[in-house]
Amino acid sequence: MSKRVFFLAFAMVLGMVQAQKSVAANTPCSGKKGGISHCTGDKFVCKDGTISASKKTCRS
């Protein structure tokens, strides 16, 4: 019984980690950039003041 509980808990944690990685990889200004502050034209400006290298645009 305890092996099943351990496996289930491990699978849930692994799933959450994978979900967080996919969200971070698809979001402009993710990670250390702190998220999106605002837009300048079609470009995202990150909270750390840099322009995002994302190919996404603010208008889409």
Protein backbone atom coordinates (compact mmCIF):
# COMPACT_ATOMS: atom_id res chain seq x y z
CA MET A 1 0.00 0.00 0.00
CA SER A 2 2.74 2.50 0.90
CA LYS A 3 4.49 1.88 -2.44
CA ARG A 4 1.32 2.84 -4.27
CA VAL A 5 0.93 6.03 -2.24
CA PHE A 6 4.58 6.94 -2.83
CA PHE A 7 4.28 6.30 -6.58
CA LEU A 8 1.08 8.35 -6.81
CA ALA A 9 2.64 11.26 -4.91
CA PHE A 10 5.77 11.11 -7.07
CA ALA A 11 3.71 11.09 -10.27
CA MET A 12 1.70 14.11 -9.10
CA VAL A 13 4.83 16.12 -8.24
CA LEU A 14 6.45 15.21 -11.54
CA GLY A 15 3.32 16.30 -13.41
CA MET A 16 3.25 19.67 -11.65
CA VAL A 17 6.93 20.31 -12.43
CA GLN A 18 6.40 19.50 -16.10
CA ALA A 19 3.34 21.77 -16.27
CA GLN A 20 5.28 24.68 -14.76
CA LYS A 21 8.10 24.24 -17.27
CA SER A 22 5.73 24.30 -20.22
CA VAL A 23 3.99 27.45 -18.97
CA ALA A 24 7.27 29.25 -18.36
CA ALA A 25 8.63 28.29 -21.75
CA ASN A 26 5.60 29.74 -23.56
CA THR A 27 5.23 33.02 -21.67
CA PRO A 28 7.07 36.22 -22.63
CA CYS A 29 9.26 37.62 -19.82
CA SER A 30 9.09 34.42 -17.79
CA GLY A 31 11.59 33.28 -15.21
CA LYS A 32 14.05 35.83 -13.86
CA LYS A 33 12.50 38.59 -16.00
CA GLY A 34 9.58 38.78 -13.57
CA GLY A 35 6.70 38.73 -16.04
CA ILE A 36 5.25 41.31 -18.40
CA SER A 37 5.24 44.94 -17.28
CA HIS A 38 3.64 46.57 -20.32
CA CYS A 39 3.82 46.78 -24.12
CA THR A 40 5.73 49.09 -26.40
CA GLY A 41 4.25 48.78 -29.86
CA ASP A 42 4.20 45.04 -30.58
CA LYS A 43 6.96 44.20 -28.09
CA PHE A 44 6.59 43.03 -24.49
CA VAL A 45 8.53 44.99 -21.87
CA CYS A 46 9.54 42.82 -18.92
CA LYS A 47 9.36 43.90 -15.29
CA ASP A 48 13.17 44.02 -15.20
CA GLY A 49 13.10 46.68 -17.94
CA THR A 50 14.28 44.54 -20.86
CA ILE A 51 12.44 43.89 -24.12
CA SER A 52 11.27 40.30 -24.53
CA ALA A 53 12.79 38.23 -27.35
CA SER A 54 9.47 36.46 -27.76
CA LYS A 55 8.09 36.07 -31.26
CA LYS A 56 4.61 36.69 -29.85
CA THR A 57 3.25 40.20 -30.15
CA CYS A 58 1.29 42.24 -27.63
CA ARG A 59 -1.60 42.55 -30.04
CA SER A 60 -2.13 38.82 -30.58
